[in-house]
Structure formats: structure tokens, C-alpha cells
């Protein structure tokens, strides 16, 4: 299978590149059984899987939108652009008898990010999140919904808090989901406070690469929570230390194997928060094109 092969090769590739975050993605053929699923047969109820690669990013091994991707045996990196492409490939539903027609493509995508870095995550296409089809009809599930013109972008996060005894807060200019990176991009002053609270040892990777912040694995339980406040505090998304700290295991490999890495950084984007996949570990996300909104299961 592809995934064990990727895991076996990840340590070697990570070591050669110096750090997994900046290595080239592992490029191994996905096999004829999966190659090209993204070009045909995408419909409501379709399911794909994504897994963490040696470069600390998630990839599809069974979604290839172009023939040349299959010929080269490449993986498809999970990002918002790829999800846009998936939605655009969904054929329209048969016309209903209703006179009112939705203005947007009636589709939504559900992604669940595992806490375990070795586990695969599912992506499922559904027409309506209210079905809760893949939550076993559990009515206790709560959604945090925010209106977005395009799912995953322009999320109405008004402030970020660091909660540790006392609370420090910074206003933001909004947020967007950054599936293609683990890092949570924070406003400068919020990140500085988190840096003081976690006391990482910074390793300069050179060549213009992002530095790596190593923290004490035994102190994770003492670290603060990060809280994203939506719409003037009406709702909030809680990010715990076990989410924003990556314990690099043998599967990910590389020079940081066995160490703990702080997956937060300065956003450098006008104060807008980047919600990297670290903030979504153990959480389900809905990208709802039908109702122009983004949702998080809380």
C-alpha cells in the first residue's frame, strides 16, 4: 500500500532535506486502482482520504485532476484550491420540482483531521451538512457556523486570545483556513505572548526558511489555550496545546524525531489569522458552498 511506503521513506527524505517542513513531497505512484479518481466519478457521497506526508503536509493519494499527474505518480496536496476543483467537478443534481433554485453549487465538503499524525483523514462530499449522515445521526453535535462568501476564506474572526491564568487578546482582520500548512498564523503581539508562555528553543533553518521552535514535551499540559473569537465573542473556537504542539514520531522522521514542535507563527498578513491544520486536529470542518458558509464541529 502507498501509505506504509510513504511512512517508511519519510525519515530518509526528511533527513536529506534538513527538515520535513521544507523537503520535497514524496512522489510515488499511487497505483492504477486509484490513479485518476479525481477526473471522473465525483458525486454526492464520494469519499477521499488524505494523509500526512514527510513534509508535515496532507496529501490525497487518490485524487488526480490531470493525466500528467498520474503519469508522474505525484500526490495532490490538500489545499483550498484543490477543494474548489473537486466541487467544480461535481455534476449538477437532477432538477427538483421546486421553483426556487440555489444560487450556489449545492455541495458541501466534510473533512475530519485526525489527532494521530499516522491516521488518515476522510473527505466526504454531501449536499447538506444538516443531514449529519456521517455523524451517526448524533443530535448532540454542535456546529460553529460563520458566513463566508467562499468557504474557508474571509472567516469572521474578530480577536485571538491566549488563555493562561490571565487572558491576553489581539484584534484581527479576519481569518482563512490554510490546509496546506500545519502552522497557525497569529498576530504579532499574540504570538509573542505565546512564545513567552511556551519558551521554545529556536532553530534557524537558514536559506529563508521558517525557523523551528522546539519546546519541552513534558510541559505541554502547562501551556495556554488559543481561542479564536467569532463575531464579537458570540462564538469561539478553542485550540488546545495538544493540537498546536506536534510530537514528531518515527513515521514523520527527520532531524526532529522525538521532539515537540510549536506549530504557531506570526501571520505576517495584515493581522489576519491563518488556521493551519494544527488548529483542526481532532475536529471536523464543513465547507458549505450551498449556503456560503464555513462550519466547525465543536
Protein backbone atom coordinates (compact mmCIF):
# COMPACT_ATOMS: atom_id res chain seq x y z
CA UNK A 1 0.00 0.00 0.00
CA UNK A 2 1.08 3.56 -0.62
CA UNK A 3 0.77 4.89 2.89
CA UNK A 4 3.18 2.42 4.63
CA UNK A 5 5.64 3.04 1.80
CA UNK A 6 5.46 6.78 2.36
CA UNK A 7 5.96 6.35 6.08
CA UNK A 8 8.96 4.12 5.53
CA UNK A 9 10.61 6.61 3.20
CA UNK A 10 9.72 9.77 5.14
CA UNK A 11 12.64 9.68 7.63
CA UNK A 12 15.22 9.28 4.87
CA UNK A 13 13.84 12.13 2.78
CA UNK A 14 13.38 14.41 5.79
CA UNK A 15 16.96 13.91 6.92
CA UNK A 16 18.31 14.62 3.47
CA UNK A 17 16.41 17.90 3.22
CA UNK A 18 17.26 19.07 6.75
CA UNK A 19 13.69 19.41 7.99
CA UNK A 20 10.41 17.86 6.95
CA UNK A 21 8.57 21.18 6.59
CA UNK A 22 10.70 22.17 3.59
CA UNK A 23 11.53 18.90 1.92
CA UNK A 24 10.10 18.00 -1.45
CA UNK A 25 6.95 15.87 -1.16
CA UNK A 26 7.40 12.17 -1.57
CA UNK A 27 6.38 11.27 -5.13
CA UNK A 28 5.50 7.62 -5.54
CA UNK A 29 2.92 6.22 -7.99
CA UNK A 30 -0.45 5.72 -6.31
CA UNK A 31 -1.16 2.61 -8.36
CA UNK A 32 -3.59 2.00 -11.18
CA UNK A 33 -6.51 1.25 -8.85
CA UNK A 34 -6.58 4.79 -7.50
CA UNK A 35 -4.97 6.80 -10.24
CA UNK A 36 -7.31 9.34 -11.77
CA UNK A 37 -10.29 9.17 -9.42
CA UNK A 38 -10.41 12.94 -9.35
CA UNK A 39 -11.21 13.19 -13.07
CA UNK A 40 -14.32 11.06 -13.02
CA UNK A 41 -16.97 9.72 -10.73
CA UNK A 42 -17.03 12.67 -8.32
CA UNK A 43 -20.56 12.90 -6.96
CA UNK A 44 -22.53 13.37 -3.77
CA UNK A 45 -21.36 10.76 -1.31
CA UNK A 46 -17.90 10.42 -2.88
CA UNK A 47 -15.16 9.90 -0.31
CA UNK A 48 -11.44 10.55 -0.49
CA UNK A 49 -8.67 10.03 2.05
CA UNK A 50 -5.74 12.26 2.88
CA UNK A 51 -2.67 11.53 4.97
CA UNK A 52 0.25 13.40 6.46
CA UNK A 53 3.42 13.18 4.41
CA UNK A 54 7.06 13.58 5.42
CA UNK A 55 6.92 17.33 4.78
CA UNK A 56 4.27 17.86 7.50
CA UNK A 57 1.55 18.50 4.93
CA UNK A 58 -1.54 16.50 3.99
CA UNK A 59 -1.89 14.89 0.56
CA UNK A 60 -4.52 12.97 -1.37
CA UNK A 61 -3.24 9.72 -2.78
CA UNK A 62 -6.43 9.11 -4.79
CA UNK A 63 -7.28 12.46 -6.39
CA UNK A 64 -5.51 13.49 -9.59
CA UNK A 65 -7.21 16.15 -11.71
CA UNK A 66 -4.91 15.79 -14.74
CA UNK A 67 -3.46 12.91 -16.72
CA UNK A 68 0.07 14.16 -16.30
CA UNK A 69 -0.29 13.91 -12.51
CA UNK A 70 -0.91 10.21 -12.91
CA UNK A 71 1.89 9.77 -15.39
CA UNK A 72 4.36 11.35 -12.98
CA UNK A 73 2.94 9.50 -9.98
CA UNK A 74 2.54 12.65 -7.92
CA UNK A 75 0.45 13.19 -4.83
CA UNK A 76 -2.09 16.01 -4.66
CA UNK A 77 -1.52 18.43 -1.80
CA UNK A 78 -4.57 19.31 0.25
CA UNK A 79 -5.39 22.99 -0.06
CA UNK A 80 -8.41 25.18 -0.75
CA UNK A 81 -7.67 25.31 -4.48
CA UNK A 82 -7.93 21.53 -4.77
CA UNK A 83 -11.23 21.56 -2.85
CA UNK A 84 -12.56 24.23 -5.21
CA UNK A 85 -11.61 21.93 -8.06
CA UNK A 86 -13.42 18.97 -6.50
CA UNK A 87 -16.61 20.99 -6.08
CA UNK A 88 -16.43 22.25 -9.66
CA UNK A 89 -16.27 18.66 -10.89
CA UNK A 90 -19.46 17.57 -9.13
CA UNK A 91 -22.21 17.14 -11.74
CA UNK A 92 -25.43 19.06 -11.01
CA UNK A 93 -28.17 17.22 -9.22
CA UNK A 94 -31.31 16.32 -11.20
CA UNK A 95 -33.65 19.29 -11.28
CA UNK A 96 -36.19 19.24 -8.49
CA UNK A 97 -39.82 20.24 -8.76
CA UNK A 98 -39.15 23.28 -6.61
CA UNK A 99 -39.40 26.60 -8.42
CA UNK A 100 -36.58 28.10 -6.36
CA UNK A 101 -33.08 27.19 -7.46
CA UNK A 102 -29.98 27.68 -5.32
CA UNK A 103 -27.68 30.46 -6.45
CA UNK A 104 -24.59 28.47 -5.50
CA UNK A 105 -23.49 24.96 -6.31
CA UNK A 106 -25.46 22.78 -3.86
CA UNK A 107 -22.50 20.97 -2.40
CA UNK A 108 -20.60 20.81 0.85
CA UNK A 109 -17.39 19.05 1.81
CA UNK A 110 -16.74 17.46 5.18
CA UNK A 111 -13.15 16.95 6.33
CA UNK A 112 -12.06 15.38 9.60
CA UNK A 113 -8.48 15.88 10.74
CA UNK A 114 -7.17 13.08 12.97
CA UNK A 115 -5.28 13.84 16.16
CA UNK A 116 -2.95 10.94 15.39
CA UNK A 117 -0.45 12.03 12.73
CA UNK A 118 -0.27 8.46 11.39
CA UNK A 119 -4.01 8.20 10.76
CA UNK A 120 -5.77 9.07 7.51
CA UNK A 121 -8.43 11.74 7.36
CA UNK A 122 -11.64 11.44 5.33
CA UNK A 123 -13.09 13.97 2.92
CA UNK A 124 -16.74 13.32 2.07
CA UNK A 125 -18.99 15.17 -0.36
CA UNK A 126 -22.51 15.82 0.89
CA UNK A 127 -25.28 18.07 -0.37
CA UNK A 128 -26.33 19.29 3.07
CA UNK A 129 -24.47 19.30 6.41
CA UNK A 130 -27.79 19.16 8.27
CA UNK A 131 -28.10 15.52 7.24
CA UNK A 132 -25.34 14.64 9.71
CA UNK A 133 -25.10 11.49 7.65
CA UNK A 134 -21.58 10.69 8.74
CA UNK A 135 -22.06 11.60 12.40
CA UNK A 136 -24.34 8.63 13.09
CA UNK A 137 -27.31 10.97 13.46
CA UNK A 138 -25.92 12.27 16.74
CA UNK A 139 -28.09 15.29 17.56
CA UNK A 140 -25.71 16.38 20.34
CA UNK A 141 -23.15 17.56 17.80
CA UNK A 142 -22.73 21.33 17.81
CA UNK A 143 -21.67 23.38 14.82
CA UNK A 144 -19.94 26.72 14.83
CA UNK A 145 -21.09 28.34 11.59
CA UNK A 146 -19.78 31.55 10.09
CA UNK A 147 -20.93 33.13 6.86
CA UNK A 148 -18.24 33.24 4.20
CA UNK A 149 -18.53 34.37 0.61
CA UNK A 150 -16.26 31.48 -0.33
CA UNK A 151 -15.88 28.61 2.13
CA UNK A 152 -12.65 28.74 4.09
CA UNK A 153 -11.92 32.40 3.26
CA UNK A 154 -12.91 35.66 4.88
CA UNK A 155 -13.85 33.99 8.17
CA UNK A 156 -15.19 36.49 10.68
CA UNK A 157 -12.66 36.04 13.49
CA UNK A 158 -12.59 39.33 15.38
CA UNK A 159 -9.93 38.59 18.00
CA UNK A 160 -7.46 35.99 19.26
CA UNK A 161 -6.93 35.22 22.93
CA UNK A 162 -4.18 33.42 24.78
CA UNK A 163 -5.64 31.98 27.97
CA UNK A 164 -3.25 31.16 30.79
CA UNK A 165 -4.36 32.40 34.19
CA UNK A 166 -4.98 35.86 32.82
CA UNK A 167 -6.03 36.43 29.21
CA UNK A 168 -4.32 38.50 26.54
CA UNK A 169 -6.25 39.43 23.42
CA UNK A 170 -5.47 40.86 19.99
CA UNK A 171 -7.87 42.11 17.35
CA UNK A 172 -7.63 40.57 13.90
CA UNK A 173 -8.71 41.46 10.39
CA UNK A 174 -10.33 38.06 9.86
CA UNK A 175 -9.10 34.55 9.18
CA UNK A 176 -8.74 31.93 6.50
CA UNK A 177 -8.17 28.19 6.57
CA UNK A 178 -4.68 27.16 5.46
CA UNK A 179 -4.93 23.41 4.91
CA UNK A 180 -1.54 23.38 3.19
CA UNK A 181 0.46 24.16 6.34
CA UNK A 182 0.41 22.99 9.96
CA UNK A 183 1.19 26.46 11.29
CA UNK A 184 -1.38 28.69 12.96
CA UNK A 185 -0.59 32.23 11.86
CA UNK A 186 -1.19 34.70 14.71
CA UNK A 187 -0.99 38.49 15.09
CA UNK A 188 2.48 39.57 16.21
CA UNK A 189 1.64 40.50 19.80
CA UNK A 190 -0.41 37.34 20.37
CA UNK A 191 2.37 35.17 19.03
CA UNK A 192 4.94 36.98 21.21
CA UNK A 193 2.84 36.19 24.30
CA UNK A 194 2.56 32.51 23.28
CA UNK A 195 6.31 32.42 22.68
CA UNK A 196 6.95 33.65 26.23
CA UNK A 197 4.47 31.14 27.66
CA UNK A 198 5.99 28.13 25.88
CA UNK A 199 9.69 29.21 25.96
CA UNK A 200 10.77 27.36 22.80
CA UNK A 201 14.33 26.82 21.66
CA UNK A 202 14.51 28.31 18.19
CA UNK A 203 16.49 26.56 15.46
CA UNK A 204 17.38 28.68 12.44
CA UNK A 205 16.95 26.61 9.26
CA UNK A 206 18.65 29.19 7.02
CA UNK A 207 18.03 29.84 3.33
CA UNK A 208 14.99 31.96 4.13
CA UNK A 209 13.13 29.00 5.65
CA UNK A 210 10.85 29.21 8.64
CA UNK A 211 12.71 28.59 11.93
CA UNK A 212 11.65 25.61 14.01
CA UNK A 213 10.63 26.16 17.63
CA UNK A 214 11.37 23.16 19.87
CA UNK A 215 9.58 23.02 23.21
CA UNK A 216 9.70 20.80 26.28
CA UNK A 217 7.40 17.83 25.69
CA UNK A 218 6.92 17.39 29.45
CA UNK A 219 5.45 20.90 29.79
CA UNK A 220 2.68 20.67 27.19
CA UNK A 221 -0.07 20.38 29.81
CA UNK A 222 1.04 23.72 31.29
CA UNK A 223 0.76 25.64 28.02
CA UNK A 224 -2.12 28.05 27.36
CA UNK A 225 -5.12 27.61 25.08
CA UNK A 226 -5.53 29.69 21.94
CA UNK A 227 -9.06 30.98 21.45
CA UNK A 228 -10.42 32.39 18.20
CA UNK A 229 -13.36 34.70 18.91
CA UNK A 230 -16.04 34.99 16.23
CA UNK A 231 -18.40 37.91 15.73
CA UNK A 232 -17.64 39.94 18.83
CA UNK A 233 -17.41 36.95 21.14
CA UNK A 234 -20.70 35.31 20.18
CA UNK A 235 -18.86 32.05 19.39
CA UNK A 236 -15.35 30.76 19.83
CA UNK A 237 -13.01 28.07 18.59
CA UNK A 238 -10.75 26.59 21.26
CA UNK A 239 -7.28 25.35 20.24
CA UNK A 240 -5.57 23.28 22.92
CA UNK A 241 -1.83 22.65 23.36
CA UNK A 242 -2.18 19.03 22.24
CA UNK A 243 -3.34 20.44 18.90
CA UNK A 244 -0.78 23.17 18.28
CA UNK A 245 2.18 21.11 19.52
CA UNK A 246 3.45 18.43 17.14
CA UNK A 247 5.22 15.47 18.71
CA UNK A 248 7.38 14.27 15.82
CA UNK A 249 7.17 10.49 15.76
CA UNK A 250 9.16 7.92 13.85
CA UNK A 251 6.71 7.98 10.94
CA UNK A 252 7.40 11.65 10.25
CA UNK A 253 11.07 11.18 10.98
CA UNK A 254 13.69 13.76 10.18
CA UNK A 255 16.11 15.58 12.47
CA UNK A 256 13.31 16.47 14.93
CA UNK A 257 12.15 12.92 15.57
CA UNK A 258 11.18 12.51 19.23
CA UNK A 259 10.94 16.26 19.78
CA UNK A 260 7.97 18.60 20.18
CA UNK A 261 7.46 21.49 17.78
CA UNK A 262 5.39 24.62 18.31
CA UNK A 263 3.06 24.91 15.31
CA UNK A 264 2.37 28.62 15.62
CA UNK A 265 3.99 31.58 13.87
CA UNK A 266 3.47 35.24 13.12
CA UNK A 267 0.90 35.60 10.37
CA UNK A 268 2.63 38.46 8.58
CA UNK A 269 -0.62 39.01 6.71
CA UNK A 270 -2.04 42.28 7.99
CA UNK A 271 -3.19 40.68 11.22
CA UNK A 272 -5.30 38.01 9.52
CA UNK A 273 -5.23 34.64 11.26
CA UNK A 274 -4.18 31.60 9.22
CA UNK A 275 -5.94 28.50 10.54
CA UNK A 276 -3.36 25.80 9.75
CA UNK A 277 -4.27 22.15 10.16
CA UNK A 278 -2.78 22.08 13.66
CA UNK A 279 -5.82 24.08 14.84
CA UNK A 280 -8.13 21.47 13.31
CA UNK A 281 -6.65 18.28 14.76
CA UNK A 282 -9.42 16.09 16.16
CA UNK A 283 -12.04 18.34 14.59
CA UNK A 284 -14.44 18.16 11.64
CA UNK A 285 -14.69 21.09 9.21
CA UNK A 286 -17.52 21.83 6.77
CA UNK A 287 -17.02 23.88 3.63
CA UNK A 288 -20.55 24.66 2.51
CA UNK A 289 -20.84 26.15 -0.99
CA UNK A 290 -24.62 25.73 -0.99
CA UNK A 291 -25.12 28.20 1.86
CA UNK A 292 -21.89 30.24 1.52
CA UNK A 293 -20.64 29.38 5.00
CA UNK A 294 -17.86 27.57 6.84
CA UNK A 295 -18.50 25.36 9.83
CA UNK A 296 -16.55 23.70 12.62
CA UNK A 297 -17.77 20.87 14.83
CA UNK A 298 -17.11 21.94 18.42
